[in-house]
């Protein structure tokens, strides 16, 4: 996916592209009947349980009477789990999602080539050209601060501001092999600054004694909220909005550029409940399913559903975006992780 394509995707959400989209194509009665006969699915997901998993599962179960069993993990953990199950000859998952989950599993022939009918009228940037994944939502990674510890006048306005000595030992990010952790910051830096200037900046940042903890981006932000650190890096900006609305001393900063990644979902090739899996994926990207994302301050992928807070989406002017497809993350993550371990060890 080229940058201009991701810009068009974000613009479609911001400018109301929904009005130009044809009506949805509902799941067929035959699929619904077959799915109900199977009766359940297993979903491996990177989504947070309170905001997305629980309400989505509840709505789907109410609509179809099909039980959803879920496992929460990050993308790399989902990949490892599916690979290990395949090696053991007992695939358990029906549907899985993540920012970098599908490409390595597709390479191992563990992803079903199937997309909901709904996606036939979607912008091509939101679906896999080969038919193996569809976007469910966007993630925007940026900077989050504890408002009790970082006065407004001292808020970093750029990535270079983080080199200020006063932030040394007061920042945190995830150490996992993820686009929303330290390795993802490496990718953002190299793509936005170029190889030479990017490496120079990363080496300068290494002198800031950034804490690296083996947790997801949501938990990194929790550490900031609890006052363990003043600043969290590569946090999801919508998580800061959710927590601030609940009274937490946190806000996200429009530091530019911000990483924009697609969270994508797929049906497992050897899904034990393939019809129920298809129905669930169909529901997840449908207007009712996507409204659950929007209502919980997430950034829905379906062009017919608008984000509740449009300021979360980089506009390309105030906040420039660095867009990464699942394939780009897969192709570069090993190198990003290598650089992260060497520079920030």
C-alpha atoms as a PDB file:
ATOM      1  CA  UNK A   1       0.000   0.000   0.000  1.00  0.00           C
ATOM      2  CA  UNK A   2       1.428   3.346  -1.007  1.00  0.00           C
ATOM      3  CA  UNK A   3       1.192   6.347   1.301  1.00  0.00           C
ATOM      4  CA  UNK A   4      -1.264   8.117  -0.990  1.00  0.00           C
ATOM      5  CA  UNK A   5      -3.586   5.117  -0.741  1.00  0.00           C
ATOM      6  CA  UNK A   6      -3.602   5.205   3.052  1.00  0.00           C
ATOM      7  CA  UNK A   7      -4.285   8.922   2.841  1.00  0.00           C
ATOM      8  CA  UNK A   8      -7.332   8.194   0.747  1.00  0.00           C
ATOM      9  CA  UNK A   9      -8.498   5.636   3.300  1.00  0.00           C
ATOM     10  CA  UNK A  10      -8.153   8.073   6.189  1.00  0.00           C
ATOM     11  CA  UNK A  11      -9.798  10.784   4.122  1.00  0.00           C
ATOM     12  CA  UNK A  12     -12.730   8.504   3.407  1.00  0.00           C
ATOM     13  CA  UNK A  13     -13.344   8.222   7.133  1.00  0.00           C
ATOM     14  CA  UNK A  14     -12.904  11.926   7.731  1.00  0.00           C
ATOM     15  CA  UNK A  15     -14.870  13.286   4.792  1.00  0.00           C
ATOM     16  CA  UNK A  16     -17.885  11.050   4.937  1.00  0.00           C
ATOM     17  CA  UNK A  17     -17.087   8.685   2.071  1.00  0.00           C
ATOM     18  CA  UNK A  18     -19.832   6.533   3.565  1.00  0.00           C
ATOM     19  CA  UNK A  19     -22.508   8.440   1.705  1.00  0.00           C
ATOM     20  CA  UNK A  20     -21.089   7.265  -1.619  1.00  0.00           C
ATOM     21  CA  UNK A  21     -21.094   3.565  -0.766  1.00  0.00           C
ATOM     22  CA  UNK A  22     -23.808   1.223  -1.951  1.00  0.00           C
ATOM     23  CA  UNK A  23     -26.000  -0.681   0.545  1.00  0.00           C
ATOM     24  CA  UNK A  24     -24.477  -3.593   2.460  1.00  0.00           C
ATOM     25  CA  UNK A  25     -24.692  -7.156   1.265  1.00  0.00           C
ATOM     26  CA  UNK A  26     -26.109  -9.221   4.120  1.00  0.00           C
ATOM     27  CA  UNK A  27     -24.950 -12.745   4.986  1.00  0.00           C
ATOM     28  CA  UNK A  28     -26.947 -15.333   3.071  1.00  0.00           C
ATOM     29  CA  UNK A  29     -29.609 -17.462   4.786  1.00  0.00           C
ATOM     30  CA  UNK A  30     -27.581 -20.538   3.804  1.00  0.00           C
ATOM     31  CA  UNK A  31     -24.474 -19.256   5.591  1.00  0.00           C
ATOM     32  CA  UNK A  32     -26.472 -18.317   8.679  1.00  0.00           C
ATOM     33  CA  UNK A  33     -28.113 -21.763   8.826  1.00  0.00           C
ATOM     34  CA  UNK A  34     -24.773 -23.571   8.427  1.00  0.00           C
ATOM     35  CA  UNK A  35     -23.161 -21.330  11.055  1.00  0.00           C
ATOM     36  CA  UNK A  36     -25.946 -21.979  13.569  1.00  0.00           C
ATOM     37  CA  UNK A  37     -25.544 -25.694  13.028  1.00  0.00           C
ATOM     38  CA  UNK A  38     -21.855 -25.440  13.999  1.00  0.00           C
ATOM     39  CA  UNK A  39     -22.894 -23.448  17.053  1.00  0.00           C
ATOM     40  CA  UNK A  40     -19.626 -21.829  18.123  1.00  0.00           C
ATOM     41  CA  UNK A  41     -16.334 -20.257  17.079  1.00  0.00           C
ATOM     42  CA  UNK A  42     -12.895 -19.604  18.562  1.00  0.00           C
ATOM     43  CA  UNK A  43     -11.499 -16.103  18.010  1.00  0.00           C
ATOM     44  CA  UNK A  44      -7.856 -15.174  18.592  1.00  0.00           C
ATOM     45  CA  UNK A  45      -7.735 -11.396  18.896  1.00  0.00           C
ATOM     46  CA  UNK A  46      -5.518  -8.427  19.717  1.00  0.00           C
ATOM     47  CA  UNK A  47      -8.531  -6.246  20.544  1.00  0.00           C
ATOM     48  CA  UNK A  48      -9.090  -5.041  24.107  1.00  0.00           C
ATOM     49  CA  UNK A  49     -11.706  -7.034  25.965  1.00  0.00           C
ATOM     50  CA  UNK A  50     -13.830  -4.309  27.635  1.00  0.00           C
ATOM     51  CA  UNK A  51     -14.091  -1.938  24.679  1.00  0.00           C
ATOM     52  CA  UNK A  52     -14.367  -4.301  21.683  1.00  0.00           C
ATOM     53  CA  UNK A  53     -14.283  -8.017  22.440  1.00  0.00           C
ATOM     54  CA  UNK A  54     -16.998  -8.170  25.089  1.00  0.00           C
ATOM     55  CA  UNK A  55     -19.584  -5.947  23.348  1.00  0.00           C
ATOM     56  CA  UNK A  56     -18.914  -7.484  19.926  1.00  0.00           C
ATOM     57  CA  UNK A  57     -19.266 -11.017  21.272  1.00  0.00           C
ATOM     58  CA  UNK A  58     -22.435 -10.114  23.160  1.00  0.00           C
ATOM     59  CA  UNK A  59     -24.020  -8.533  20.091  1.00  0.00           C
ATOM     60  CA  UNK A  60     -23.102 -11.424  17.785  1.00  0.00           C
ATOM     61  CA  UNK A  61     -24.321 -14.062  20.242  1.00  0.00           C
ATOM     62  CA  UNK A  62     -27.580 -12.179  20.672  1.00  0.00           C
ATOM     63  CA  UNK A  63     -28.062 -11.859  16.918  1.00  0.00           C
ATOM     64  CA  UNK A  64     -27.282 -15.469  15.973  1.00  0.00           C
ATOM     65  CA  UNK A  65     -27.190 -17.602  19.119  1.00  0.00           C
ATOM     66  CA  UNK A  66     -23.670 -18.770  18.263  1.00  0.00           C
ATOM     67  CA  UNK A  67     -21.159 -19.025  21.114  1.00  0.00           C
ATOM     68  CA  UNK A  68     -17.901 -17.070  20.730  1.00  0.00           C
ATOM     69  CA  UNK A  69     -14.865 -18.281  22.672  1.00  0.00           C
ATOM     70  CA  UNK A  70     -11.976 -15.824  22.533  1.00  0.00           C
ATOM     71  CA  UNK A  71      -8.292 -15.636  23.414  1.00  0.00           C
ATOM     72  CA  UNK A  72      -6.663 -12.226  23.879  1.00  0.00           C
ATOM     73  CA  UNK A  73      -3.005 -11.885  22.807  1.00  0.00           C
ATOM     74  CA  UNK A  74      -0.766  -9.641  20.711  1.00  0.00           C
ATOM     75  CA  UNK A  75      -0.112 -10.289  17.012  1.00  0.00           C
ATOM     76  CA  UNK A  76       3.121 -12.242  17.450  1.00  0.00           C
ATOM     77  CA  UNK A  77       1.554 -14.394  20.171  1.00  0.00           C
ATOM     78  CA  UNK A  78      -1.424 -15.158  17.938  1.00  0.00           C
ATOM     79  CA  UNK A  79       0.911 -16.188  15.115  1.00  0.00           C
ATOM     80  CA  UNK A  80       2.914 -18.471  17.407  1.00  0.00           C
ATOM     81  CA  UNK A  81      -0.223 -20.056  18.827  1.00  0.00           C
ATOM     82  CA  UNK A  82      -1.688 -20.811  15.387  1.00  0.00           C
ATOM     83  CA  UNK A  83       1.635 -22.152  14.101  1.00  0.00           C
ATOM     84  CA  UNK A  84       2.094 -24.445  17.101  1.00  0.00           C
ATOM     85  CA  UNK A  85      -1.447 -25.792  16.762  1.00  0.00           C
ATOM     86  CA  UNK A  86      -0.877 -26.486  13.069  1.00  0.00           C
ATOM     87  CA  UNK A  87       2.361 -28.334  13.814  1.00  0.00           C
ATOM     88  CA  UNK A  88       0.517 -30.415  16.386  1.00  0.00           C
ATOM     89  CA  UNK A  89      -2.124 -31.242  13.761  1.00  0.00           C
ATOM     90  CA  UNK A  90      -4.947 -29.707  15.789  1.00  0.00           C
ATOM     91  CA  UNK A  91      -6.056 -26.257  14.667  1.00  0.00           C
ATOM     92  CA  UNK A  92      -8.342 -24.650  17.232  1.00  0.00           C
ATOM     93  CA  UNK A  93      -8.875 -21.124  15.950  1.00  0.00           C
ATOM     94  CA  UNK A  94     -11.590 -20.111  13.515  1.00  0.00           C
ATOM     95  CA  UNK A  95     -10.911 -16.391  13.196  1.00  0.00           C
ATOM     96  CA  UNK A  96      -7.821 -14.358  14.058  1.00  0.00           C
ATOM     97  CA  UNK A  97      -6.839 -10.716  13.763  1.00  0.00           C
ATOM     98  CA  UNK A  98      -3.911  -8.377  14.317  1.00  0.00           C
ATOM     99  CA  UNK A  99      -1.700  -5.818  12.631  1.00  0.00           C
ATOM    100  CA  UNK A 100       0.859  -8.390  11.565  1.00  0.00           C
ATOM    101  CA  UNK A 101      -0.896 -11.708  12.070  1.00  0.00           C
ATOM    102  CA  UNK A 102      -2.077 -12.776   8.640  1.00  0.00           C
ATOM    103  CA  UNK A 103       1.061 -12.440   6.393  1.00  0.00           C
ATOM    104  CA  UNK A 104       3.239 -15.023   8.205  1.00  0.00           C
ATOM    105  CA  UNK A 105       0.268 -17.386   8.528  1.00  0.00           C
ATOM    106  CA  UNK A 106      -0.630 -16.908   4.875  1.00  0.00           C
ATOM    107  CA  UNK A 107       2.924 -17.867   3.993  1.00  0.00           C
ATOM    108  CA  UNK A 108       2.426 -21.119   5.906  1.00  0.00           C
ATOM    109  CA  UNK A 109      -0.880 -21.795   4.091  1.00  0.00           C
ATOM    110  CA  UNK A 110      -2.903 -21.394   7.287  1.00  0.00           C
ATOM    111  CA  UNK A 111      -5.309 -18.668   6.111  1.00  0.00           C
ATOM    112  CA  UNK A 112      -8.518 -19.261   4.184  1.00  0.00           C
ATOM    113  CA  UNK A 113      -8.923 -17.309   0.956  1.00  0.00           C
ATOM    114  CA  UNK A 114     -12.302 -15.760   1.726  1.00  0.00           C
ATOM    115  CA  UNK A 115     -13.756 -12.287   2.215  1.00  0.00           C
ATOM    116  CA  UNK A 116     -17.280 -11.156   3.150  1.00  0.00           C
ATOM    117  CA  UNK A 117     -19.471 -10.010   0.243  1.00  0.00           C
ATOM    118  CA  UNK A 118     -19.579  -6.576   1.886  1.00  0.00           C
ATOM    119  CA  UNK A 119     -15.954  -5.949   0.926  1.00  0.00           C
ATOM    120  CA  UNK A 120     -16.699  -6.070  -2.807  1.00  0.00           C
ATOM    121  CA  UNK A 121     -17.744  -2.407  -2.574  1.00  0.00           C
ATOM    122  CA  UNK A 122     -14.991  -1.304  -0.190  1.00  0.00           C
ATOM    123  CA  UNK A 123     -11.902   0.722  -1.144  1.00  0.00           C
ATOM    124  CA  UNK A 124      -9.260  -1.757  -2.272  1.00  0.00           C
ATOM    125  CA  UNK A 125      -6.794  -0.464   0.320  1.00  0.00           C
ATOM    126  CA  UNK A 126      -8.912  -2.051   3.047  1.00  0.00           C
ATOM    127  CA  UNK A 127      -8.754  -5.612   1.753  1.00  0.00           C
ATOM    128  CA  UNK A 128      -6.024  -8.008   0.725  1.00  0.00           C
ATOM    129  CA  UNK A 129      -5.633  -8.049  -3.063  1.00  0.00           C
ATOM    130  CA  UNK A 130      -5.327 -11.834  -2.869  1.00  0.00           C
ATOM    131  CA  UNK A 131      -8.436 -12.185  -0.717  1.00  0.00           C
ATOM    132  CA  UNK A 132      -6.993 -13.312   2.618  1.00  0.00           C
ATOM    133  CA  UNK A 133      -7.721 -10.396   4.988  1.00  0.00           C
ATOM    134  CA  UNK A 134     -10.020  -7.454   5.575  1.00  0.00           C
ATOM    135  CA  UNK A 135      -9.396  -4.434   7.789  1.00  0.00           C
ATOM    136  CA  UNK A 136     -11.534  -4.161  10.909  1.00  0.00           C
ATOM    137  CA  UNK A 137     -10.129  -0.893  12.257  1.00  0.00           C
ATOM    138  CA  UNK A 138      -7.182   1.506  12.271  1.00  0.00           C
ATOM    139  CA  UNK A 139      -4.568   2.016  14.933  1.00  0.00           C
ATOM    140  CA  UNK A 140      -2.720   5.312  15.329  1.00  0.00           C
ATOM    141  CA  UNK A 141       0.462   5.122  17.403  1.00  0.00           C
ATOM    142  CA  UNK A 142       1.796   8.286  18.977  1.00  0.00           C
ATOM    143  CA  UNK A 143       2.780   9.827  22.328  1.00  0.00           C
ATOM    144  CA  UNK A 144       0.750   9.697  25.540  1.00  0.00           C
ATOM    145  CA  UNK A 145       1.481  11.722  28.673  1.00  0.00           C
ATOM    146  CA  UNK A 146       0.411  11.756  32.299  1.00  0.00           C
ATOM    147  CA  UNK A 147      -1.136  15.211  32.661  1.00  0.00           C
ATOM    148  CA  UNK A 148      -0.207  15.359  36.350  1.00  0.00           C
ATOM    149  CA  UNK A 149       3.463  14.864  35.506  1.00  0.00           C
ATOM    150  CA  UNK A 150       3.769  16.754  32.217  1.00  0.00           C
ATOM    151  CA  UNK A 151       2.565  20.379  32.367  1.00  0.00           C
ATOM    152  CA  UNK A 152       0.901  21.653  29.202  1.00  0.00           C
ATOM    153  CA  UNK A 153       3.724  24.119  28.586  1.00  0.00           C
ATOM    154  CA  UNK A 154       6.266  21.266  28.622  1.00  0.00           C
ATOM    155  CA  UNK A 155       4.408  18.838  26.350  1.00  0.00           C
ATOM    156  CA  UNK A 156       6.639  17.505  23.573  1.00  0.00           C
ATOM    157  CA  UNK A 157       5.524  18.858  20.215  1.00  0.00           C
ATOM    158  CA  UNK A 158       7.824  16.699  18.093  1.00  0.00           C
ATOM    159  CA  UNK A 159       9.784  13.486  18.331  1.00  0.00           C
ATOM    160  CA  UNK A 160      12.967  15.568  18.632  1.00  0.00           C
ATOM    161  CA  UNK A 161      11.567  17.208  21.777  1.00  0.00           C
ATOM    162  CA  UNK A 162      11.871  13.817  23.446  1.00  0.00           C
ATOM    163  CA  UNK A 163      15.652  14.251  23.365  1.00  0.00           C
ATOM    164  CA  UNK A 164      15.357  16.922  26.064  1.00  0.00           C
ATOM    165  CA  UNK A 165      17.407  15.767  29.113  1.00  0.00           C
ATOM    166  CA  UNK A 166      14.422  16.334  31.387  1.00  0.00           C
ATOM    167  CA  UNK A 167      12.705  13.280  29.888  1.00  0.00           C
ATOM    168  CA  UNK A 168      15.622  10.936  30.498  1.00  0.00           C
ATOM    169  CA  UNK A 169      14.431   7.912  32.464  1.00  0.00           C
ATOM    170  CA  UNK A 170      10.817   9.113  32.352  1.00  0.00           C
ATOM    171  CA  UNK A 171       9.646   7.423  29.160  1.00  0.00           C
ATOM    172  CA  UNK A 172       8.386   3.910  28.456  1.00  0.00           C
ATOM    173  CA  UNK A 173       7.434   1.723  25.510  1.00  0.00           C
ATOM    174  CA  UNK A 174       6.755  -1.909  24.834  1.00  0.00           C
ATOM    175  CA  UNK A 175       9.635  -4.259  24.090  1.00  0.00           C
ATOM    176  CA  UNK A 176       7.603  -6.792  22.157  1.00  0.00           C
ATOM    177  CA  UNK A 177       8.110  -7.497  18.478  1.00  0.00           C
ATOM    178  CA  UNK A 178       5.268  -5.262  17.401  1.00  0.00           C
ATOM    179  CA  UNK A 179       4.478  -2.163  15.342  1.00  0.00           C
ATOM    180  CA  UNK A 180       3.053  -0.641  18.535  1.00  0.00           C
ATOM    181  CA  UNK A 181       6.270  -1.107  20.522  1.00  0.00           C
ATOM    182  CA  UNK A 182       9.940  -0.180  20.290  1.00  0.00           C
ATOM    183  CA  UNK A 183      10.537  -2.048  16.995  1.00  0.00           C
ATOM    184  CA  UNK A 184       7.604  -0.163  15.476  1.00  0.00           C
ATOM    185  CA  UNK A 185       9.226   3.111  16.519  1.00  0.00           C
ATOM    186  CA  UNK A 186      12.332   2.015  14.649  1.00  0.00           C
ATOM    187  CA  UNK A 187      10.227   1.452  11.538  1.00  0.00           C
ATOM    188  CA  UNK A 188       8.501   4.821  11.890  1.00  0.00           C
ATOM    189  CA  UNK A 189      11.828   6.594  12.335  1.00  0.00           C
ATOM    190  CA  UNK A 190      13.583   4.938   9.405  1.00  0.00           C
ATOM    191  CA  UNK A 191      10.639   5.443   7.055  1.00  0.00           C
ATOM    192  CA  UNK A 192      10.129   9.095   7.972  1.00  0.00           C
ATOM    193  CA  UNK A 193      13.775  10.187   8.242  1.00  0.00           C
ATOM    194  CA  UNK A 194      15.620   7.818   5.956  1.00  0.00           C
ATOM    195  CA  UNK A 195      18.274   5.276   6.880  1.00  0.00           C
ATOM    196  CA  UNK A 196      21.160   7.555   7.852  1.00  0.00           C
ATOM    197  CA  UNK A 197      19.264  10.329   9.645  1.00  0.00           C
ATOM    198  CA  UNK A 198      16.956   7.735  11.185  1.00  0.00           C
ATOM    199  CA  UNK A 199      19.789   5.747  12.716  1.00  0.00           C
ATOM    200  CA  UNK A 200      21.370   8.934  14.055  1.00  0.00           C
ATOM    201  CA  UNK A 201      18.120   9.859  15.781  1.00  0.00           C
ATOM    202  CA  UNK A 202      17.650   6.364  17.197  1.00  0.00           C
ATOM    203  CA  UNK A 203      21.138   6.457  18.711  1.00  0.00           C
ATOM    204  CA  UNK A 204      20.348   9.793  20.328  1.00  0.00           C
ATOM    205  CA  UNK A 205      17.113   8.386  21.710  1.00  0.00           C
ATOM    206  CA  UNK A 206      18.995   5.433  23.171  1.00  0.00           C
ATOM    207  CA  UNK A 207      20.674   7.874  25.552  1.00  0.00           C
ATOM    208  CA  UNK A 208      17.304   8.740  27.087  1.00  0.00           C
ATOM    209  CA  UNK A 209      17.118   5.499  29.093  1.00  0.00           C
ATOM    210  CA  UNK A 210      13.657   4.572  27.810  1.00  0.00           C
ATOM    211  CA  UNK A 211      12.115   1.783  29.872  1.00  0.00           C
ATOM    212  CA  UNK A 212      11.187  -1.232  27.738  1.00  0.00           C
ATOM    213  CA  UNK A 213       8.575  -3.557  29.214  1.00  0.00           C
ATOM    214  CA  UNK A 214       7.207  -6.775  27.652  1.00  0.00           C
ATOM    215  CA  UNK A 215       3.560  -5.729  27.538  1.00  0.00           C
ATOM    216  CA  UNK A 216       0.999  -4.516  25.007  1.00  0.00           C
ATOM    217  CA  UNK A 217       0.556  -0.832  24.141  1.00  0.00           C
ATOM    218  CA  UNK A 218      -2.563  -0.622  26.309  1.00  0.00           C
ATOM    219  CA  UNK A 219      -0.548  -1.704  29.348  1.00  0.00           C
ATOM    220  CA  UNK A 220       2.214   0.746  28.500  1.00  0.00           C
ATOM    221  CA  UNK A 221      -0.349   3.529  28.692  1.00  0.00           C
ATOM    222  CA  UNK A 222      -1.629   2.121  31.982  1.00  0.00           C
ATOM    223  CA  UNK A 223       1.868   2.518  33.419  1.00  0.00           C
ATOM    224  CA  UNK A 224       1.808   6.171  32.387  1.00  0.00           C
ATOM    225  CA  UNK A 225      -1.640   6.692  33.893  1.00  0.00           C
ATOM    226  CA  UNK A 226      -0.452   5.159  37.175  1.00  0.00           C
ATOM    227  CA  UNK A 227       2.428   7.634  37.273  1.00  0.00           C
ATOM    228  CA  UNK A 228       5.202   5.094  36.843  1.00  0.00           C
ATOM    229  CA  UNK A 229       6.388   7.105  33.830  1.00  0.00           C
ATOM    230  CA  UNK A 230       5.622  10.558  32.486  1.00  0.00           C
ATOM    231  CA  UNK A 231       5.489   9.640  28.807  1.00  0.00           C
ATOM    232  CA  UNK A 232       4.447   6.551  26.871  1.00  0.00           C
ATOM    233  CA  UNK A 233       5.668   5.999  23.315  1.00  0.00           C
ATOM    234  CA  UNK A 234       3.821   4.226  20.486  1.00  0.00           C
ATOM    235  CA  UNK A 235       0.584   4.162  22.451  1.00  0.00           C
ATOM    236  CA  UNK A 236      -2.774   4.017  20.665  1.00  0.00           C
ATOM    237  CA  UNK A 237      -4.297   7.494  20.713  1.00  0.00           C
ATOM    238  CA  UNK A 238      -7.854   6.199  21.092  1.00  0.00           C
ATOM    239  CA  UNK A 239      -6.854   4.410  24.308  1.00  0.00           C
ATOM    240  CA  UNK A 240      -5.868   7.769  25.793  1.00  0.00           C
ATOM    241  CA  UNK A 241      -9.269   9.191  24.822  1.00  0.00           C
ATOM    242  CA  UNK A 242     -11.075   6.260  26.440  1.00  0.00           C
ATOM    243  CA  UNK A 243      -9.101   6.534  29.680  1.00  0.00           C
ATOM    244  CA  UNK A 244      -9.356  10.327  29.858  1.00  0.00           C
ATOM    245  CA  UNK A 245     -13.139  10.076  29.551  1.00  0.00           C
ATOM    246  CA  UNK A 246     -13.056   7.830  32.617  1.00  0.00           C
ATOM    247  CA  UNK A 247     -11.155  10.458  34.583  1.00  0.00           C
ATOM    248  CA  UNK A 248      -7.580   9.253  34.099  1.00  0.00           C
ATOM    249  CA  UNK A 249      -4.822  11.914  34.021  1.00  0.00           C
ATOM    250  CA  UNK A 250      -3.793  11.205  30.424  1.00  0.00           C
ATOM    251  CA  UNK A 251      -3.882  12.697  26.967  1.00  0.00           C
ATOM    252  CA  UNK A 252      -2.386  11.884  23.585  1.00  0.00           C
ATOM    253  CA  UNK A 253      -0.215  14.381  21.748  1.00  0.00           C
ATOM    254  CA  UNK A 254      -0.370  15.154  18.013  1.00  0.00           C
ATOM    255  CA  UNK A 255       3.303  14.392  17.480  1.00  0.00           C
ATOM    256  CA  UNK A 256       4.047  14.083  13.776  1.00  0.00           C
ATOM    257  CA  UNK A 257       4.420  11.768  11.988  1.00  0.00           C
ATOM    258  CA  UNK A 258       2.237   9.133  13.607  1.00  0.00           C
ATOM    259  CA  UNK A 259       2.167   5.478  12.661  1.00  0.00           C
ATOM    260  CA  UNK A 260      -1.060   4.288  11.045  1.00  0.00           C
ATOM    261  CA  UNK A 261      -1.623   0.554  10.757  1.00  0.00           C
ATOM    262  CA  UNK A 262      -4.553  -1.594   9.749  1.00  0.00           C
ATOM    263  CA  UNK A 263      -5.844  -4.218  12.117  1.00  0.00           C
ATOM    264  CA  UNK A 264      -6.991  -7.036   9.852  1.00  0.00           C
ATOM    265  CA  UNK A 265      -8.962 -10.235  10.370  1.00  0.00           C
ATOM    266  CA  UNK A 266      -9.039 -13.561   8.559  1.00  0.00           C
ATOM    267  CA  UNK A 267     -10.677 -16.971   8.691  1.00  0.00           C
ATOM    268  CA  UNK A 268      -8.349 -19.863   9.520  1.00  0.00           C
ATOM    269  CA  UNK A 269      -7.802 -22.277   6.619  1.00  0.00           C
ATOM    270  CA  UNK A 270      -8.547 -25.296   8.796  1.00  0.00           C
ATOM    271  CA  UNK A 271     -11.183 -23.609  10.938  1.00  0.00           C
ATOM    272  CA  UNK A 272     -13.127 -26.185  12.989  1.00  0.00           C
ATOM    273  CA  UNK A 273     -16.242 -24.051  12.486  1.00  0.00           C
ATOM    274  CA  UNK A 274     -15.736 -22.437   9.059  1.00  0.00           C
ATOM    275  CA  UNK A 275     -19.286 -21.249   8.468  1.00  0.00           C
ATOM    276  CA  UNK A 276     -19.652 -19.709  11.908  1.00  0.00           C
ATOM    277  CA  UNK A 277     -16.223 -18.120  11.394  1.00  0.00           C
ATOM    278  CA  UNK A 278     -17.333 -16.551   8.108  1.00  0.00           C
ATOM    279  CA  UNK A 279     -20.519 -15.258   9.683  1.00  0.00           C
ATOM    280  CA  UNK A 280     -18.601 -13.741  12.587  1.00  0.00           C
ATOM    281  CA  UNK A 281     -16.105 -12.000  10.300  1.00  0.00           C
ATOM    282  CA  UNK A 282     -19.002 -10.784   8.170  1.00  0.00           C
ATOM    283  CA  UNK A 283     -20.654  -9.360  11.295  1.00  0.00           C
ATOM    284  CA  UNK A 284     -17.437  -7.794  12.569  1.00  0.00           C
ATOM    285  CA  UNK A 285     -17.050  -5.624   9.467  1.00  0.00           C
ATOM    286  CA  UNK A 286     -20.777  -4.968   8.983  1.00  0.00           C
ATOM    287  CA  UNK A 287     -22.353  -1.654   9.946  1.00  0.00           C
ATOM    288  CA  UNK A 288     -23.739  -3.003  13.274  1.00  0.00           C
ATOM    289  CA  UNK A 289     -20.396  -4.550  14.141  1.00  0.00           C
ATOM    290  CA  UNK A 290     -18.400  -1.502  13.110  1.00  0.00           C
ATOM    291  CA  UNK A 291     -20.693   0.786  15.082  1.00  0.00           C
ATOM    292  CA  UNK A 292     -19.478  -1.059  18.179  1.00  0.00           C
ATOM    293  CA  UNK A 293     -15.927  -0.008  17.269  1.00  0.00           C
ATOM    294  CA  UNK A 294     -17.013   3.600  16.698  1.00  0.00           C
ATOM    295  CA  UNK A 295     -19.149   3.805  19.838  1.00  0.00           C
ATOM    296  CA  UNK A 296     -16.128   2.728  21.897  1.00  0.00           C
ATOM    297  CA  UNK A 297     -13.806   5.394  20.431  1.00  0.00           C
ATOM    298  CA  UNK A 298     -12.051   3.040  18.027  1.00  0.00           C
ATOM    299  CA  UNK A 299     -11.455   3.908  14.372  1.00  0.00           C
ATOM    300  CA  UNK A 300     -13.694   1.658  12.249  1.00  0.00           C
ATOM    301  CA  UNK A 301     -12.565   0.499   8.813  1.00  0.00           C
ATOM    302  CA  UNK A 302     -16.000   0.231   7.197  1.00  0.00           C
ATOM    303  CA  UNK A 303     -16.356   3.404   5.074  1.00  0.00           C
ATOM    304  CA  UNK A 304     -20.045   3.650   5.977  1.00  0.00           C
ATOM    305  CA  UNK A 305     -19.292   4.082   9.704  1.00  0.00           C
ATOM    306  CA  UNK A 306     -17.682   7.304  10.904  1.00  0.00           C
ATOM    307  CA  UNK A 307     -15.274   7.576  13.806  1.00  0.00           C
ATOM    308  CA  UNK A 308     -16.819   9.269  16.835  1.00  0.00           C
ATOM    309  CA  UNK A 309     -13.743  11.464  17.300  1.00  0.00           C
ATOM    310  CA  UNK A 310     -12.366  12.375  13.884  1.00  0.00           C
ATOM    311  CA  UNK A 311      -9.406  14.224  15.406  1.00  0.00           C
ATOM    312  CA  UNK A 312      -7.905  10.816  16.173  1.00  0.00           C
ATOM    313  CA  UNK A 313      -7.247  10.310  12.461  1.00  0.00           C
ATOM    314  CA  UNK A 314      -4.055  11.986  11.175  1.00  0.00           C
ATOM    315  CA  UNK A 315      -5.160  14.561   8.615  1.00  0.00           C
ATOM    316  CA  UNK A 316      -1.856  14.680   6.745  1.00  0.00           C
ATOM    317  CA  UNK A 317      -1.424  18.344   7.655  1.00  0.00           C
ATOM    318  CA  UNK A 318      -1.478  18.873  11.428  1.00  0.00           C
ATOM    319  CA  UNK A 319      -0.392  15.288  11.914  1.00  0.00           C
ATOM    320  CA  UNK A 320       1.359  13.529   9.071  1.00  0.00           C
ATOM    321  CA  UNK A 321       0.987   9.779   8.845  1.00  0.00           C
ATOM    322  CA  UNK A 322       3.361   6.939   8.153  1.00  0.00           C
ATOM    323  CA  UNK A 323       1.211   4.084   6.874  1.00  0.00           C
ATOM    324  CA  UNK A 324       2.165   0.427   7.154  1.00  0.00           C
ATOM    325  CA  UNK A 325       0.335  -2.503   5.593  1.00  0.00           C
ATOM    326  CA  UNK A 326       0.401  -5.945   7.256  1.00  0.00           C
ATOM    327  CA  UNK A 327       2.779  -7.100   4.517  1.00  0.00           C
ATOM    328  CA  UNK A 328       5.144  -4.183   5.056  1.00  0.00           C
ATOM    329  CA  UNK A 329       5.249  -4.919   8.764  1.00  0.00           C
ATOM    330  CA  UNK A 330       5.951  -8.583   8.024  1.00  0.00           C
ATOM    331  CA  UNK A 331       8.714  -7.784   5.530  1.00  0.00           C
ATOM    332  CA  UNK A 332      10.515  -5.341   7.815  1.00  0.00           C
ATOM    333  CA  UNK A 333       9.795  -6.389  11.381  1.00  0.00           C
ATOM    334  CA  UNK A 334      12.779  -8.712  11.715  1.00  0.00           C
ATOM    335  CA  UNK A 335      15.149  -5.900  10.778  1.00  0.00           C
ATOM    336  CA  UNK A 336      13.334  -3.337  12.941  1.00  0.00           C
ATOM    337  CA  UNK A 337      13.500  -5.684  15.904  1.00  0.00           C
ATOM    338  CA  UNK A 338      17.203  -6.370  15.305  1.00  0.00           C
ATOM    339  CA  UNK A 339      17.985  -2.660  15.266  1.00  0.00           C
ATOM    340  CA  UNK A 340      15.841  -2.075  18.359  1.00  0.00           C
ATOM    341  CA  UNK A 341      17.668  -4.795  20.331  1.00  0.00           C
ATOM    342  CA  UNK A 342      21.079  -3.490  19.245  1.00  0.00           C
ATOM    343  CA  UNK A 343      20.486   0.234  19.736  1.00  0.00           C
ATOM    344  CA  UNK A 344      18.336   0.128  22.886  1.00  0.00           C
ATOM    345  CA  UNK A 345      19.893  -2.858  24.658  1.00  0.00           C
END
